[in-house]
Amino acid sequence: MTRKEFTAKYGKILLPLVTPYDENEEIRYDVYADLINYLIKNDLCDSLIVTGTTGEASLLTFDERVKLMKVAVETAAGRKPVIAGTGCASTKETIALTKEAEKLGIDLCMVVCPFYNKPTMDGVYNHYKAVA
């Protein structure tokens, strides 16, 4: 996909969403949906990015990440593309999360190299090959 094609599909403003928590560190999925609706209603972005670094993805459980993606896709309801960060510390978990994102209807996944374990260049290549 060329830059021009990417921009035509996803726009120029790809907005990373924060993950709202309550005082007990539980995710406020209702507030998350309200935030998404506000951004769409006021046309403040071209695409929404969920479970990325701004959303504290590395601190979320697998199930929390899946639920945030689900809420985002359902709330956006096709009004804006939804992009999800599906990179994890392991290739196995990255593949599992990326498959869940695909099932939910996420438009595009962002995948990072496995973090904390400093893979070699061959390891990085094999990671992306396995995910693809």
N, C-alpha and C. Protein backbone atom coordinates (compact mmCIF):
# COMPACT_ATOMS: atom_id res chain seq x y z
N MET A 1 0.85 -1.17 0.00
CA MET A 1 0.00 0.00 0.00
C MET A 1 0.90 1.24 0.00
N THR A 2 0.62 2.14 -0.91
CA THR A 2 1.40 3.37 -0.96
C THR A 2 0.94 4.32 0.13
N ARG A 3 1.74 5.35 0.36
CA ARG A 3 1.37 6.36 1.35
C ARG A 3 0.05 7.03 0.96
N LYS A 4 -0.10 7.30 -0.33
CA LYS A 4 -1.33 7.94 -0.82
C LYS A 4 -2.55 7.04 -0.58
N GLU A 5 -2.40 5.76 -0.84
CA GLU A 5 -3.49 4.81 -0.61
C GLU A 5 -3.81 4.69 0.89
N PHE A 6 -2.74 4.67 1.70
CA PHE A 6 -2.93 4.59 3.15
C PHE A 6 -3.70 5.80 3.65
N THR A 7 -3.27 6.97 3.22
CA THR A 7 -3.92 8.21 3.65
C THR A 7 -5.36 8.27 3.18
N ALA A 8 -5.62 7.79 1.98
CA ALA A 8 -7.00 7.78 1.47
C ALA A 8 -7.89 6.88 2.34
N LYS A 9 -7.34 5.79 2.83
CA LYS A 9 -8.13 4.83 3.62
C LYS A 9 -8.23 5.20 5.10
N TYR A 10 -7.09 5.62 5.67
CA TYR A 10 -7.04 5.85 7.12
C TYR A 10 -6.95 7.31 7.52
N GLY A 11 -6.71 8.20 6.58
CA GLY A 11 -6.64 9.62 6.86
C GLY A 11 -5.27 10.06 7.34
N LYS A 12 -5.22 11.30 7.79
CA LYS A 12 -3.96 11.88 8.27
C LYS A 12 -3.87 11.94 9.78
N ILE A 13 -5.01 11.96 10.45
CA ILE A 13 -5.00 12.04 11.92
C ILE A 13 -5.45 10.70 12.48
N LEU A 14 -4.47 9.90 12.89
CA LEU A 14 -4.71 8.60 13.50
C LEU A 14 -4.52 8.80 15.00
N LEU A 15 -5.61 8.82 15.72
CA LEU A 15 -5.58 9.25 17.11
C LEU A 15 -5.45 8.09 18.10
N PRO A 16 -4.34 8.03 18.84
CA PRO A 16 -4.20 7.02 19.88
C PRO A 16 -5.10 7.35 21.07
N LEU A 17 -5.88 6.38 21.49
CA LEU A 17 -6.81 6.58 22.60
C LEU A 17 -6.17 6.21 23.93
N VAL A 18 -6.48 6.98 24.95
CA VAL A 18 -6.08 6.61 26.31
C VAL A 18 -7.09 5.60 26.85
N THR A 19 -6.67 4.85 27.83
CA THR A 19 -7.57 3.90 28.48
C THR A 19 -8.01 4.49 29.82
N PRO A 20 -9.30 4.76 29.98
CA PRO A 20 -9.77 5.35 31.24
C PRO A 20 -9.94 4.29 32.34
N TYR A 21 -9.48 4.64 33.53
CA TYR A 21 -9.58 3.75 34.68
C TYR A 21 -10.36 4.42 35.80
N ASP A 22 -10.91 3.61 36.69
CA ASP A 22 -11.53 4.17 37.89
C ASP A 22 -10.51 4.16 39.02
N GLU A 23 -10.94 4.53 40.21
CA GLU A 23 -10.03 4.62 41.35
C GLU A 23 -9.49 3.26 41.80
N ASN A 24 -10.11 2.16 41.34
CA ASN A 24 -9.65 0.81 41.67
C ASN A 24 -8.84 0.17 40.55
N GLU A 25 -8.43 1.00 39.59
CA GLU A 25 -7.65 0.57 38.43
C GLU A 25 -8.41 -0.40 37.53
N GLU A 26 -9.73 -0.29 37.54
CA GLU A 26 -10.57 -1.06 36.62
C GLU A 26 -10.86 -0.19 35.41
N ILE A 27 -10.89 -0.81 34.25
CA ILE A 27 -11.14 -0.05 33.01
C ILE A 27 -12.59 0.40 32.97
N ARG A 28 -12.78 1.65 32.60
CA ARG A 28 -14.12 2.23 32.43
C ARG A 28 -14.51 2.12 30.96
N TYR A 29 -15.06 0.98 30.58
CA TYR A 29 -15.42 0.75 29.19
C TYR A 29 -16.51 1.71 28.72
N ASP A 30 -17.38 2.12 29.64
CA ASP A 30 -18.43 3.09 29.28
C ASP A 30 -17.82 4.44 28.92
N VAL A 31 -16.83 4.87 29.67
CA VAL A 31 -16.14 6.14 29.39
C VAL A 31 -15.36 6.02 28.09
N TYR A 32 -14.78 4.86 27.85
CA TYR A 32 -14.05 4.60 26.61
C TYR A 32 -14.99 4.78 25.41
N ALA A 33 -16.17 4.19 25.49
CA ALA A 33 -17.16 4.34 24.42
C ALA A 33 -17.60 5.79 24.27
N ASP A 34 -17.78 6.48 25.39
CA ASP A 34 -18.15 7.91 25.33
C ASP A 34 -17.05 8.72 24.64
N LEU A 35 -15.80 8.43 24.94
CA LEU A 35 -14.68 9.12 24.31
C LEU A 35 -14.69 8.90 22.80
N ILE A 36 -14.89 7.67 22.39
CA ILE A 36 -14.93 7.35 20.96
C ILE A 36 -16.08 8.09 20.28
N ASN A 37 -17.25 8.07 20.90
CA ASN A 37 -18.39 8.79 20.32
C ASN A 37 -18.12 10.28 20.22
N TYR A 38 -17.51 10.85 21.24
CA TYR A 38 -17.18 12.27 21.23
C TYR A 38 -16.23 12.61 20.07
N LEU A 39 -15.19 11.80 19.92
CA LEU A 39 -14.21 12.04 18.85
C LEU A 39 -14.84 11.94 17.47
N ILE A 40 -15.72 10.96 17.29
CA ILE A 40 -16.38 10.79 16.00
C ILE A 40 -17.39 11.90 15.76
N LYS A 41 -18.20 12.18 16.75
CA LYS A 41 -19.24 13.21 16.62
C LYS A 41 -18.64 14.56 16.24
N ASN A 42 -17.49 14.86 16.83
CA ASN A 42 -16.84 16.15 16.59
C ASN A 42 -15.78 16.09 15.49
N ASP A 43 -15.72 14.98 14.80
CA ASP A 43 -14.79 14.76 13.68
C ASP A 43 -13.36 15.21 14.03
N LEU A 44 -12.86 14.69 15.16
CA LEU A 44 -11.54 15.09 15.66
C LEU A 44 -10.41 14.18 15.19
N CYS A 45 -10.74 13.16 14.42
CA CYS A 45 -9.70 12.27 13.91
C CYS A 45 -10.22 11.56 12.66
N ASP A 46 -9.28 10.93 11.96
CA ASP A 46 -9.64 10.15 10.79
C ASP A 46 -9.73 8.66 11.11
N SER A 47 -8.91 8.20 12.05
CA SER A 47 -8.90 6.81 12.50
C SER A 47 -8.66 6.79 14.00
N LEU A 48 -9.09 5.72 14.64
CA LEU A 48 -8.91 5.53 16.08
C LEU A 48 -7.88 4.43 16.31
N ILE A 49 -6.95 4.67 17.22
CA ILE A 49 -5.96 3.65 17.57
C ILE A 49 -6.24 3.18 18.99
N VAL A 50 -6.50 1.89 19.12
CA VAL A 50 -6.77 1.30 20.43
C VAL A 50 -5.63 0.37 20.83
N THR A 51 -5.47 0.18 22.11
CA THR A 51 -4.48 -0.72 22.71
C THR A 51 -3.06 -0.48 22.19
N GLY A 52 -2.74 0.78 22.01
CA GLY A 52 -1.37 1.16 21.67
C GLY A 52 -0.66 1.61 22.93
N THR A 53 0.49 2.23 22.79
CA THR A 53 1.25 2.63 23.97
C THR A 53 0.56 3.72 24.77
N THR A 54 -0.18 4.60 24.10
CA THR A 54 -0.90 5.65 24.84
C THR A 54 -2.00 5.04 25.71
N GLY A 55 -2.52 3.89 25.30
CA GLY A 55 -3.54 3.18 26.07
C GLY A 55 -2.96 2.22 27.09
N GLU A 56 -1.67 2.36 27.36
CA GLU A 56 -0.99 1.52 28.35
C GLU A 56 -1.12 0.03 28.04
N ALA A 57 -0.99 -0.34 26.77
CA ALA A 57 -1.21 -1.72 26.33
C ALA A 57 -0.38 -2.74 27.10
N SER A 58 0.85 -2.40 27.41
CA SER A 58 1.72 -3.37 28.10
C SER A 58 1.24 -3.65 29.53
N LEU A 59 0.36 -2.81 30.05
CA LEU A 59 -0.17 -3.02 31.41
C LEU A 59 -1.51 -3.74 31.41
N LEU A 60 -2.08 -3.95 30.23
CA LEU A 60 -3.39 -4.58 30.11
C LEU A 60 -3.26 -6.09 29.97
N THR A 61 -4.26 -6.81 30.47
CA THR A 61 -4.28 -8.25 30.23
C THR A 61 -4.74 -8.50 28.80
N PHE A 62 -4.54 -9.71 28.35
CA PHE A 62 -4.98 -10.10 27.02
C PHE A 62 -6.48 -9.84 26.87
N ASP A 63 -7.27 -10.29 27.85
CA ASP A 63 -8.72 -10.13 27.79
C ASP A 63 -9.14 -8.66 27.81
N GLU A 64 -8.45 -7.83 28.57
CA GLU A 64 -8.75 -6.40 28.58
C GLU A 64 -8.50 -5.78 27.22
N ARG A 65 -7.41 -6.17 26.60
CA ARG A 65 -7.10 -5.63 25.27
C ARG A 65 -8.17 -6.03 24.26
N VAL A 66 -8.58 -7.29 24.32
CA VAL A 66 -9.63 -7.77 23.41
C VAL A 66 -10.92 -7.00 23.65
N LYS A 67 -11.28 -6.80 24.91
CA LYS A 67 -12.53 -6.09 25.20
C LYS A 67 -12.47 -4.64 24.74
N LEU A 68 -11.32 -3.97 24.92
CA LEU A 68 -11.19 -2.60 24.42
C LEU A 68 -11.34 -2.55 22.91
N MET A 69 -10.76 -3.52 22.21
CA MET A 69 -10.92 -3.56 20.75
C MET A 69 -12.38 -3.77 20.38
N LYS A 70 -13.04 -4.67 21.10
CA LYS A 70 -14.46 -4.95 20.83
C LYS A 70 -15.31 -3.70 21.04
N VAL A 71 -15.09 -3.02 22.15
CA VAL A 71 -15.84 -1.79 22.44
C VAL A 71 -15.58 -0.75 21.35
N ALA A 72 -14.34 -0.63 20.93
CA ALA A 72 -13.99 0.37 19.91
C ALA A 72 -14.67 0.06 18.58
N VAL A 73 -14.62 -1.19 18.15
CA VAL A 73 -15.24 -1.56 16.87
C VAL A 73 -16.75 -1.37 16.94
N GLU A 74 -17.36 -1.83 18.02
CA GLU A 74 -18.82 -1.69 18.16
C GLU A 74 -19.24 -0.23 18.25
N THR A 75 -18.49 0.56 18.98
CA THR A 75 -18.84 1.98 19.15
C THR A 75 -18.61 2.76 17.86
N ALA A 76 -17.49 2.52 17.22
CA ALA A 76 -17.21 3.22 15.96
C ALA A 76 -18.23 2.84 14.89
N ALA A 77 -18.66 1.60 14.91
CA ALA A 77 -19.71 1.11 14.01
C ALA A 77 -19.49 1.51 12.55
N GLY A 78 -18.24 1.41 12.11
CA GLY A 78 -17.92 1.73 10.73
C GLY A 78 -17.79 3.21 10.41
N ARG A 79 -17.99 4.06 11.41
CA ARG A 79 -17.91 5.51 11.16
C ARG A 79 -16.48 5.99 10.99
N LYS A 80 -15.54 5.30 11.61
CA LYS A 80 -14.10 5.59 11.50
C LYS A 80 -13.37 4.26 11.51
N PRO A 81 -12.25 4.16 10.80
CA PRO A 81 -11.44 2.94 10.90
C PRO A 81 -10.88 2.79 12.31
N VAL A 82 -10.75 1.54 12.74
CA VAL A 82 -10.18 1.24 14.05
C VAL A 82 -8.90 0.44 13.83
N ILE A 83 -7.82 0.97 14.39
CA ILE A 83 -6.50 0.36 14.31
C ILE A 83 -6.14 -0.10 15.71
N ALA A 84 -5.57 -1.31 15.81
CA ALA A 84 -5.23 -1.83 17.14
C ALA A 84 -3.76 -2.19 17.23
N GLY A 85 -3.18 -1.84 18.36
CA GLY A 85 -1.84 -2.32 18.68
C GLY A 85 -1.96 -3.74 19.19
N THR A 86 -1.38 -4.68 18.47
CA THR A 86 -1.47 -6.09 18.87
C THR A 86 -0.10 -6.68 19.21
N GLY A 87 0.91 -5.85 19.30
CA GLY A 87 2.23 -6.33 19.65
C GLY A 87 2.31 -6.68 21.12
N CYS A 88 2.98 -7.78 21.41
CA CYS A 88 3.14 -8.26 22.79
C CYS A 88 4.61 -8.64 23.00
N ALA A 89 4.93 -9.05 24.21
CA ALA A 89 6.30 -9.43 24.53
C ALA A 89 6.69 -10.75 23.87
N SER A 90 5.72 -11.55 23.46
CA SER A 90 6.04 -12.82 22.81
C SER A 90 5.35 -12.91 21.45
N THR A 91 5.96 -13.63 20.55
CA THR A 91 5.38 -13.85 19.22
C THR A 91 4.06 -14.61 19.34
N LYS A 92 4.04 -15.62 20.19
CA LYS A 92 2.84 -16.44 20.38
C LYS A 92 1.64 -15.58 20.79
N GLU A 93 1.84 -14.69 21.76
CA GLU A 93 0.74 -13.84 22.22
C GLU A 93 0.38 -12.80 21.16
N THR A 94 1.37 -12.29 20.44
CA THR A 94 1.10 -11.33 19.37
C THR A 94 0.22 -11.96 18.31
N ILE A 95 0.52 -13.18 17.93
CA ILE A 95 -0.30 -13.88 16.94
C ILE A 95 -1.72 -14.07 17.46
N ALA A 96 -1.86 -14.51 18.69
CA ALA A 96 -3.19 -14.74 19.27
C ALA A 96 -3.99 -13.44 19.32
N LEU A 97 -3.36 -12.35 19.74
CA LEU A 97 -4.07 -11.08 19.84
C LEU A 97 -4.43 -10.53 18.46
N THR A 98 -3.54 -10.70 17.51
CA THR A 98 -3.81 -10.24 16.15
C THR A 98 -4.97 -11.03 15.54
N LYS A 99 -5.04 -12.31 15.81
CA LYS A 99 -6.17 -13.12 15.33
C LYS A 99 -7.48 -12.65 15.95
N GLU A 100 -7.45 -12.32 17.23
CA GLU A 100 -8.67 -11.80 17.89
C GLU A 100 -9.09 -10.48 17.27
N ALA A 101 -8.11 -9.63 16.99
CA ALA A 101 -8.41 -8.33 16.37
C ALA A 101 -9.06 -8.53 15.00
N GLU A 102 -8.54 -9.46 14.25
CA GLU A 102 -9.11 -9.75 12.93
C GLU A 102 -10.56 -10.23 13.06
N LYS A 103 -10.82 -11.13 14.01
CA LYS A 103 -12.18 -11.64 14.25
C LYS A 103 -13.14 -10.51 14.61
N LEU A 104 -12.65 -9.53 15.37
CA LEU A 104 -13.49 -8.42 15.82
C LEU A 104 -13.77 -7.39 14.72
N GLY A 105 -13.02 -7.44 13.64
CA GLY A 105 -13.20 -6.47 12.57
C GLY A 105 -12.29 -5.27 12.64
N ILE A 106 -11.18 -5.39 13.37
CA ILE A 106 -10.20 -4.31 13.40
C ILE A 106 -9.69 -4.10 11.98
N ASP A 107 -9.57 -2.84 11.58
CA ASP A 107 -9.17 -2.52 10.21
C ASP A 107 -7.69 -2.73 9.93
N LEU A 108 -6.86 -2.51 10.93
CA LEU A 108 -5.41 -2.57 10.74
C LEU A 108 -4.76 -2.86 12.08
N CYS A 109 -3.72 -3.67 12.08
CA CYS A 109 -3.00 -3.96 13.32
C CYS A 109 -1.61 -3.35 13.27
N MET A 110 -1.17 -2.84 14.41
CA MET A 110 0.19 -2.35 14.58
C MET A 110 0.93 -3.41 15.40
N VAL A 111 2.02 -3.91 14.85
CA VAL A 111 2.77 -4.97 15.52
C VAL A 111 4.20 -4.49 15.74
N VAL A 112 4.64 -4.57 16.97
CA VAL A 112 6.01 -4.19 17.31
C VAL A 112 6.86 -5.44 17.48
N CYS A 113 8.17 -5.24 17.52
CA CYS A 113 9.08 -6.34 17.84
C CYS A 113 8.81 -6.78 19.27
N PRO A 114 9.04 -8.05 19.57
CA PRO A 114 8.89 -8.46 20.96
C PRO A 114 9.78 -7.57 21.84
N PHE A 115 9.22 -7.07 22.91
CA PHE A 115 9.99 -6.16 23.76
C PHE A 115 10.51 -6.89 24.98
N TYR A 116 11.50 -6.33 25.58
CA TYR A 116 12.18 -6.80 26.78
C TYR A 116 13.16 -7.94 26.54
N ASN A 117 13.17 -8.56 25.35
CA ASN A 117 14.07 -9.70 25.17
C ASN A 117 15.11 -9.49 24.08
N LYS A 118 15.16 -8.34 23.45
CA LYS A 118 16.18 -7.96 22.48
C LYS A 118 16.47 -9.05 21.45
N PRO A 119 15.52 -9.33 20.56
CA PRO A 119 15.78 -10.37 19.55
C PRO A 119 16.85 -9.93 18.55
N THR A 120 17.49 -10.91 17.95
CA THR A 120 18.44 -10.64 16.88
C THR A 120 17.66 -10.20 15.64
N MET A 121 18.37 -9.77 14.61
CA MET A 121 17.69 -9.39 13.36
C MET A 121 16.94 -10.59 12.77
N ASP A 122 17.53 -11.77 12.86
CA ASP A 122 16.83 -12.98 12.41
C ASP A 122 15.58 -13.22 13.25
N GLY A 123 15.70 -12.97 14.54
CA GLY A 123 14.55 -13.12 15.43
C GLY A 123 13.43 -12.15 15.09
N VAL A 124 13.79 -10.91 14.78
CA VAL A 124 12.81 -9.90 14.38
C VAL A 124 12.12 -10.35 13.09
N TYR A 125 12.92 -10.77 12.12
CA TYR A 125 12.37 -11.24 10.84
C TYR A 125 11.41 -12.41 11.08
N ASN A 126 11.84 -13.39 11.87
CA ASN A 126 10.99 -14.56 12.12
C ASN A 126 9.72 -14.21 12.88
N HIS A 127 9.81 -13.22 13.76
CA HIS A 127 8.63 -12.74 14.48
C HIS A 127 7.58 -12.22 13.50
N TYR A 128 8.00 -11.30 12.64
CA TYR A 128 7.05 -10.71 11.67
C TYR A 128 6.57 -11.75 10.67
N LYS A 129 7.42 -12.65 10.29
CA LYS A 129 7.02 -13.72 9.36
C LYS A 129 5.95 -14.59 10.00
N ALA A 130 6.13 -14.95 11.25
CA ALA A 130 5.15 -15.78 11.96
C ALA A 130 3.81 -15.06 12.13
N VAL A 131 3.87 -13.77 12.45
CA VAL A 131 2.63 -12.99 12.62
C VAL A 131 1.90 -12.86 11.29
N ALA A 132 2.65 -12.61 10.23
CA ALA A 132 2.04 -12.46 8.90
C ALA A 132 1.43 -13.77 8.45
